Amino acid sequence: MARELAQDAEILFVSGGLAQSRFFDKNGFSFEEIPCSTLSRKKPWRWPRQLFSIVRGTLQANRILDQFKPDAVVGFGSFFSLPVLIAAKWRKVPIILHEQNALPGKVNRLFSAYAEITGITFPESASLLKGKAVEVLYPAKKRQHDKDWSYFGLFPDRITLLVFGGSQGAKRLNEAFAATIPFLVKHLPPFQVLHFTGGHNSFAELYKEYNIPFVEKDFEPHIERAWSIADLAITRAGASTINEMIDYETPGIVVPYPHASENHQVENAKHFVRTVKGGEMFYEHSLVPLRLARSICSLVALKEHLQKKIQHYKATRTEKTFASTILNQ
């Protein structure tokens, strides 16, 4: 979103943990770090310290807003945005929100009543928010239209399976997929694997044993290159992952992270399976290797049918970007 707005607006990121984040472009954007915290339901004895952090963050955010004098504060939810949104409400700075998930988070549910508008990417989010909600395209990197197998050193004549557990990886998902390899070798046409593990495990020796072309990395900064060549994805069900699967028309198996806040990844996965009709959902506790392997084989065979379903869904979506919605407020 910031890159889209950069020609029309001055951008300042304000949050906690930005300097340490490997996902934030520290050289591309100005930023200020402030304290922030969540209130843990399971550990209420930590509330005094957590509340103190939120108060400190709010006071610092208030000073930053006084100096920066923004025309609007844009919040993407989570406890990272809470101090800034409190300060914006305090100073009567217009608030604009973006809700990525099918089940809105607590902070966005709270502040949607005060927002000028909330941009949503899943239509079902609207009924769970107060105030005005408008469907927008998910802010994402520019789509990779060219299929470039050479970037990964892979082959265009093989089925490409993309396996990753979101930005942090997923140990259980990695291990379950690895256990399917003996079955897939027997029942799939020649295939290759893009496996981004999050640093939890390494399966290089397994792929070598079965003579499977593969790329294994902890993290792939150019995930759009992977999406452009993937025939099937086995992934978590984060909002960005689901939207990338839709954007690149990639069928897949989605495995919601079982410890996500309010189990929101389950709702994302249900949207992809029931509304988009782009694949199947596995709960993590049901990741039985043989069942997963059979599902992979079935979905590979149905690839073209599933892609048509995704294309049909895409045709019903808005073309409005979140950046243009902000500028028109």
Protein backbone atom coordinates (compact mmCIF):
# COMPACT_ATOMS: atom_id res chain seq x y z
CA MET A 1 0.00 0.00 0.00
CA ALA A 2 2.79 2.41 0.93
CA ARG A 3 4.56 1.81 -2.38
CA GLU A 4 1.33 2.55 -4.25
CA LEU A 5 0.85 5.78 -2.28
CA ALA A 6 4.49 6.92 -2.36
CA GLN A 7 4.03 9.29 -5.32
CA ASP A 8 1.03 10.98 -3.75
CA ALA A 9 1.75 10.92 -0.03
CA GLU A 10 4.47 11.10 2.59
CA ILE A 11 4.52 7.83 4.53
CA LEU A 12 5.66 7.21 8.10
CA PHE A 13 5.43 3.76 9.67
CA VAL A 14 4.83 3.78 13.43
CA SER A 15 4.83 0.48 15.33
CA GLY A 16 6.85 -1.83 17.53
CA GLY A 17 9.49 -4.24 16.27
CA LEU A 18 10.12 -2.59 12.91
CA ALA A 19 13.92 -2.40 13.18
CA GLN A 20 14.17 -6.14 13.90
CA SER A 21 11.63 -7.26 11.29
CA ARG A 22 13.05 -9.04 8.24
CA PHE A 23 9.81 -8.28 6.38
CA PHE A 24 9.85 -4.50 6.76
CA ASP A 25 11.73 -2.39 4.19
CA LYS A 26 13.75 -0.29 6.62
CA ASN A 27 15.69 1.43 3.83
CA GLY A 28 12.62 2.22 1.77
CA PHE A 29 10.44 4.00 4.33
CA SER A 30 10.75 6.31 7.31
CA PHE A 31 9.67 4.75 10.57
CA GLU A 32 9.36 5.32 14.30
CA GLU A 33 9.37 2.53 16.89
CA ILE A 34 7.09 2.69 19.92
CA PRO A 35 6.30 0.25 22.75
CA CYS A 36 3.26 -1.97 22.23
CA SER A 37 1.78 -5.07 23.78
CA THR A 38 -1.18 -7.40 23.78
CA LEU A 39 -3.28 -8.31 26.81
CA SER A 40 -2.87 -12.03 27.37
CA ARG A 41 -6.05 -13.82 28.47
CA LYS A 42 -4.03 -16.83 29.61
CA LYS A 43 -1.59 -14.77 31.70
CA PRO A 44 -3.55 -11.94 33.34
CA TRP A 45 -0.81 -11.40 35.92
CA ARG A 46 1.15 -9.75 33.10
CA TRP A 47 -1.55 -7.14 32.46
CA PRO A 48 0.01 -4.34 34.58
CA ARG A 49 3.26 -4.50 32.60
CA GLN A 50 1.39 -4.88 29.29
CA LEU A 51 -0.92 -1.97 30.04
CA PHE A 52 2.08 0.16 30.98
CA SER A 53 3.65 -0.65 27.59
CA ILE A 54 0.44 0.31 25.76
CA VAL A 55 0.22 3.59 27.68
CA ARG A 56 3.88 4.41 26.94
CA GLY A 57 3.35 3.58 23.27
CA THR A 58 0.24 5.76 23.11
CA LEU A 59 2.05 8.75 24.64
CA GLN A 60 4.94 8.35 22.20
CA ALA A 61 2.52 7.95 19.28
CA ASN A 62 0.76 11.13 20.39
CA ARG A 63 4.04 13.06 20.23
CA ILE A 64 4.85 11.57 16.80
CA LEU A 65 1.43 12.57 15.43
CA ASP A 66 1.93 16.07 16.81
CA GLN A 67 5.23 16.37 14.93
CA PHE A 68 4.29 14.54 11.71
CA LYS A 69 0.79 16.05 11.45
CA PRO A 70 -0.70 13.31 9.26
CA ASP A 71 -3.88 13.72 7.23
CA ALA A 72 -4.86 10.18 8.22
CA VAL A 73 -3.69 7.19 10.23
CA VAL A 74 -4.02 3.83 8.46
CA GLY A 75 -4.25 0.80 10.72
CA PHE A 76 -3.87 -2.82 9.65
CA GLY A 77 -5.05 -4.33 12.90
CA SER A 78 -3.23 -6.33 15.61
CA PHE A 79 -1.89 -5.03 18.90
CA PHE A 80 0.98 -3.34 17.00
CA SER A 81 -1.47 -0.71 15.76
CA LEU A 82 -3.31 -0.16 19.03
CA PRO A 83 -1.24 2.72 20.56
CA VAL A 84 -1.26 4.68 17.29
CA LEU A 85 -5.01 4.26 16.84
CA ILE A 86 -5.67 5.36 20.41
CA ALA A 87 -3.51 8.44 19.82
CA ALA A 88 -5.25 9.18 16.52
CA LYS A 89 -8.67 8.99 18.19
CA TRP A 90 -7.37 11.20 21.01
CA ARG A 91 -6.07 13.83 18.56
CA LYS A 92 -9.07 13.51 16.20
CA VAL A 93 -6.90 12.41 13.27
CA PRO A 94 -9.03 10.56 10.67
CA ILE A 95 -8.65 6.77 10.94
CA ILE A 96 -8.73 4.36 8.00
CA LEU A 97 -8.52 0.62 8.61
CA HIS A 98 -7.71 -2.45 6.58
CA GLU A 99 -8.93 -5.87 7.65
CA GLN A 100 -7.12 -8.72 5.92
CA ASN A 101 -8.91 -11.70 7.44
CA ALA A 102 -12.37 -13.18 7.07
CA LEU A 103 -12.75 -12.90 10.86
CA PRO A 104 -11.74 -9.36 11.86
CA GLY A 105 -9.28 -8.94 14.70
CA LYS A 106 -10.21 -7.39 18.03
CA VAL A 107 -8.44 -4.06 17.44
CA ASN A 108 -10.12 -3.52 14.08
CA ARG A 109 -13.50 -4.56 15.47
CA LEU A 110 -13.08 -1.96 18.22
CA PHE A 111 -11.87 0.92 16.05
CA SER A 112 -14.10 0.27 13.01
CA ALA A 113 -16.77 2.31 14.80
CA TYR A 114 -14.48 5.36 14.65
CA ALA A 115 -12.97 4.78 11.20
CA GLU A 116 -13.80 6.80 8.12
CA ILE A 117 -13.80 3.52 6.26
CA THR A 118 -12.55 -0.05 6.65
CA GLY A 119 -11.17 -1.80 3.57
CA ILE A 120 -11.95 -5.53 3.55
CA THR A 121 -10.77 -8.37 1.29
CA PHE A 122 -13.27 -11.01 2.40
CA PRO A 123 -16.92 -9.89 1.93
CA GLU A 124 -18.07 -11.75 5.05
CA SER A 125 -15.95 -9.40 7.21
CA ALA A 126 -18.41 -6.52 6.73
CA SER A 127 -21.11 -7.91 9.01
CA LEU A 128 -18.61 -8.19 11.87
CA LEU A 129 -17.43 -4.57 11.70
CA LYS A 130 -19.07 -1.31 12.72
CA GLY A 131 -19.11 1.72 10.45
CA LYS A 132 -18.54 1.75 6.70
CA ALA A 133 -16.77 -1.25 5.14
CA VAL A 134 -15.75 -1.38 1.48
CA GLU A 135 -14.35 -4.36 -0.40
CA VAL A 136 -10.89 -3.67 -1.85
CA LEU A 137 -8.14 -5.69 -3.46
CA TYR A 138 -5.58 -7.03 -1.02
CA PRO A 139 -2.46 -4.82 -1.11
CA ALA A 140 0.22 -7.02 -2.66
CA LYS A 141 3.46 -6.94 -4.60
CA LYS A 142 3.15 -6.40 -8.33
CA ARG A 143 2.15 -9.70 -9.91
CA GLN A 144 4.86 -11.75 -11.62
CA HIS A 145 3.37 -12.50 -15.04
CA ASP A 146 6.36 -14.28 -16.58
CA LYS A 147 7.00 -17.84 -15.47
CA ASP A 148 10.69 -17.93 -14.63
CA TRP A 149 11.82 -21.44 -13.68
CA SER A 150 15.47 -20.43 -14.14
CA TYR A 151 15.36 -18.22 -11.03
CA PHE A 152 15.03 -21.40 -8.97
CA GLY A 153 16.94 -23.66 -11.37
CA LEU A 154 13.86 -25.82 -11.94
CA PHE A 155 12.19 -27.30 -15.01
CA PRO A 156 9.08 -26.16 -16.93
CA ASP A 157 8.09 -29.72 -17.91
CA ARG A 158 7.53 -30.93 -14.32
CA ILE A 159 4.66 -30.40 -11.91
CA THR A 160 5.74 -27.81 -9.33
CA LEU A 161 4.57 -28.17 -5.72
CA LEU A 162 4.96 -25.12 -3.49
CA VAL A 163 5.19 -25.92 0.23
CA PHE A 164 5.47 -23.28 2.94
CA GLY A 165 3.94 -22.36 6.26
CA GLY A 166 3.61 -18.62 5.78
CA SER A 167 6.29 -16.13 6.79
CA GLN A 168 7.30 -18.12 9.88
CA GLY A 169 7.23 -21.61 8.37
CA ALA A 170 5.40 -24.57 9.94
CA LYS A 171 7.19 -27.56 11.44
CA ARG A 172 4.15 -29.85 11.49
CA LEU A 173 3.18 -29.02 7.90
CA ASN A 174 6.78 -29.57 6.74
CA GLU A 175 6.96 -32.99 8.37
CA ALA A 176 3.56 -34.09 7.07
CA PHE A 177 4.46 -33.17 3.51
CA ALA A 178 7.84 -34.90 3.76
CA ALA A 179 6.04 -38.10 4.80
CA THR A 180 4.00 -38.03 1.56
CA ILE A 181 7.07 -38.19 -0.71
CA PRO A 182 7.25 -42.02 -1.10
CA PHE A 183 3.56 -42.09 -2.11
CA LEU A 184 3.84 -39.07 -4.46
CA VAL A 185 6.84 -40.55 -6.26
CA LYS A 186 4.74 -43.62 -7.12
CA HIS A 187 1.47 -41.90 -8.03
CA LEU A 188 2.28 -38.45 -9.44
CA PRO A 189 3.81 -37.60 -12.83
CA PRO A 190 7.38 -36.22 -12.51
CA PHE A 191 7.31 -33.34 -10.05
CA GLN A 192 9.60 -30.86 -8.33
CA VAL A 193 9.31 -29.02 -5.02
CA LEU A 194 9.71 -25.46 -3.82
CA HIS A 195 9.94 -25.84 -0.05
CA PHE A 196 10.32 -22.79 2.20
CA THR A 197 10.68 -24.28 5.65
CA GLY A 198 10.91 -21.27 7.95
CA GLY A 199 14.15 -22.80 9.23
CA HIS A 200 12.37 -25.54 11.18
CA ASN A 201 13.60 -28.61 9.30
CA SER A 202 15.68 -29.63 6.30
CA PHE A 203 14.55 -32.24 3.78
CA ALA A 204 17.37 -31.93 1.24
CA GLU A 205 18.56 -35.50 1.81
CA LEU A 206 15.04 -36.84 1.34
CA TYR A 207 14.61 -35.08 -2.01
CA LYS A 208 18.03 -36.27 -3.12
CA GLU A 209 17.23 -39.84 -2.11
CA TYR A 210 14.17 -39.86 -4.38
CA ASN A 211 15.89 -37.85 -7.13
CA ILE A 212 13.36 -35.02 -6.91
CA PRO A 213 14.44 -31.58 -8.19
CA PHE A 214 13.94 -29.14 -5.34
CA VAL A 215 14.69 -25.75 -3.86
CA GLU A 216 14.77 -25.53 -0.08
CA LYS A 217 15.09 -22.21 1.71
CA ASP A 218 14.21 -20.87 5.14
CA PHE A 219 12.46 -17.91 3.53
CA GLU A 220 11.89 -16.65 -0.03
CA PRO A 221 11.86 -12.84 -0.40
CA HIS A 222 10.52 -13.12 -3.96
CA ILE A 223 7.55 -15.33 -3.24
CA GLU A 224 5.81 -13.94 -6.34
CA ARG A 225 8.33 -15.86 -8.46
CA ALA A 226 7.32 -19.06 -6.71
CA TRP A 227 3.60 -18.42 -7.16
CA SER A 228 4.10 -17.79 -10.86
CA ILE A 229 5.34 -21.36 -11.48
CA ALA A 230 3.45 -23.31 -8.80
CA ASP A 231 0.88 -25.88 -9.97
CA LEU A 232 -0.31 -26.66 -6.45
CA ALA A 233 0.38 -25.10 -3.04
CA ILE A 234 0.38 -26.74 0.40
CA THR A 235 0.31 -23.83 2.85
CA ARG A 236 -1.03 -22.16 5.95
CA ALA A 237 -4.16 -20.00 5.61
CA GLY A 238 -2.95 -16.51 6.37
CA ALA A 239 -4.71 -13.67 4.58
CA SER A 240 -1.79 -12.84 2.29
CA THR A 241 -1.32 -16.50 1.34
CA ILE A 242 -5.01 -16.97 0.48
CA ASN A 243 -5.05 -13.79 -1.58
CA GLU A 244 -1.88 -14.79 -3.44
CA MET A 245 -3.40 -18.18 -4.25
CA ILE A 246 -6.41 -16.38 -5.70
CA ASP A 247 -4.33 -13.80 -7.56
CA TYR A 248 -2.07 -16.43 -9.16
CA GLU A 249 -4.97 -18.88 -9.64
CA THR A 250 -3.06 -21.56 -7.77
CA PRO A 251 -5.14 -24.43 -6.35
CA GLY A 252 -4.04 -25.74 -3.01
CA ILE A 253 -4.37 -27.42 0.33
CA VAL A 254 -4.65 -24.95 3.20
CA VAL A 255 -3.79 -25.90 6.78
CA PRO A 256 -4.91 -23.21 9.26
CA TYR A 257 -2.46 -22.36 12.03
CA PRO A 258 -4.19 -23.82 15.10
CA HIS A 259 -2.94 -21.13 17.51
CA ALA A 260 -3.90 -18.08 15.43
CA SER A 261 -5.85 -15.41 17.31
CA GLU A 262 -9.51 -16.44 17.59
CA ASN A 263 -8.75 -19.21 15.08
CA HIS A 264 -9.13 -16.69 12.26
CA GLN A 265 -7.14 -18.77 9.75
CA VAL A 266 -9.91 -21.37 9.79
CA GLU A 267 -12.33 -18.74 8.45
CA ASN A 268 -9.83 -17.72 5.76
CA ALA A 269 -9.46 -21.36 4.74
CA LYS A 270 -13.22 -21.91 4.65
CA HIS A 271 -13.54 -18.93 2.32
CA PHE A 272 -10.96 -20.39 -0.05
CA VAL A 273 -12.57 -23.85 -0.03
CA ARG A 274 -16.29 -23.00 0.06
CA THR A 275 -16.53 -19.64 -1.73
CA VAL A 276 -13.52 -19.64 -4.05
CA LYS A 277 -13.70 -23.45 -4.46
CA GLY A 278 -9.95 -23.52 -5.00
CA GLY A 279 -8.92 -26.60 -3.04
CA GLU A 280 -9.18 -28.41 0.27
CA MET A 281 -8.65 -27.63 3.95
CA PHE A 282 -6.87 -29.86 6.46
CA TYR A 283 -6.92 -29.18 10.18
CA GLU A 284 -3.43 -29.67 11.56
CA HIS A 285 -4.53 -32.56 13.77
CA SER A 286 -5.80 -34.38 10.64
CA LEU A 287 -2.53 -34.14 8.68
CA VAL A 288 -2.29 -37.89 8.13
CA PRO A 289 0.42 -38.40 5.46
CA LEU A 290 -1.50 -40.93 3.33
CA ARG A 291 -4.65 -38.80 3.28
CA LEU A 292 -2.61 -35.69 2.48
CA ALA A 293 -0.78 -37.51 -0.33
CA ARG A 294 -4.02 -38.70 -1.90
CA SER A 295 -5.43 -35.21 -1.72
CA ILE A 296 -2.34 -33.78 -3.45
CA CYS A 297 -2.67 -36.30 -6.28
CA SER A 298 -6.39 -35.60 -6.63
CA LEU A 299 -5.96 -31.84 -6.77
CA VAL A 300 -3.10 -32.04 -9.27
CA ALA A 301 -5.41 -34.04 -11.55
CA LEU A 302 -8.15 -31.41 -11.09
CA LYS A 303 -5.82 -28.44 -11.57
CA GLU A 304 -7.51 -26.96 -14.65
CA HIS A 305 -10.99 -27.37 -13.16
CA LEU A 306 -9.94 -25.66 -9.93
CA GLN A 307 -8.24 -22.83 -11.81
CA LYS A 308 -11.50 -22.15 -13.66
CA LYS A 309 -13.29 -21.96 -10.30
CA ILE A 310 -10.74 -19.45 -9.03
CA GLN A 311 -11.01 -17.42 -12.25
CA HIS A 312 -14.79 -17.36 -11.89
CA TYR A 313 -14.44 -16.06 -8.32
CA LYS A 314 -11.91 -13.41 -9.40
CA ALA A 315 -14.36 -12.11 -11.98
CA THR A 316 -16.79 -11.24 -9.16
CA ARG A 317 -14.25 -9.25 -7.14
CA THR A 318 -13.83 -5.51 -7.06
CA GLU A 319 -10.97 -3.85 -8.96
CA LYS A 320 -10.70 -1.07 -6.38
CA THR A 321 -7.34 -0.85 -4.61
CA PHE A 322 -6.94 0.12 -0.98
CA ALA A 323 -4.53 2.91 -1.97
CA SER A 324 -7.09 4.55 -4.28
CA THR A 325 -9.74 4.22 -1.57
CA ILE A 326 -7.49 6.10 0.87
CA LEU A 327 -6.80 8.90 -1.59
CA ASN A 328 -10.51 9.33 -2.32
CA GLN A 329 -11.46 9.80 1.34
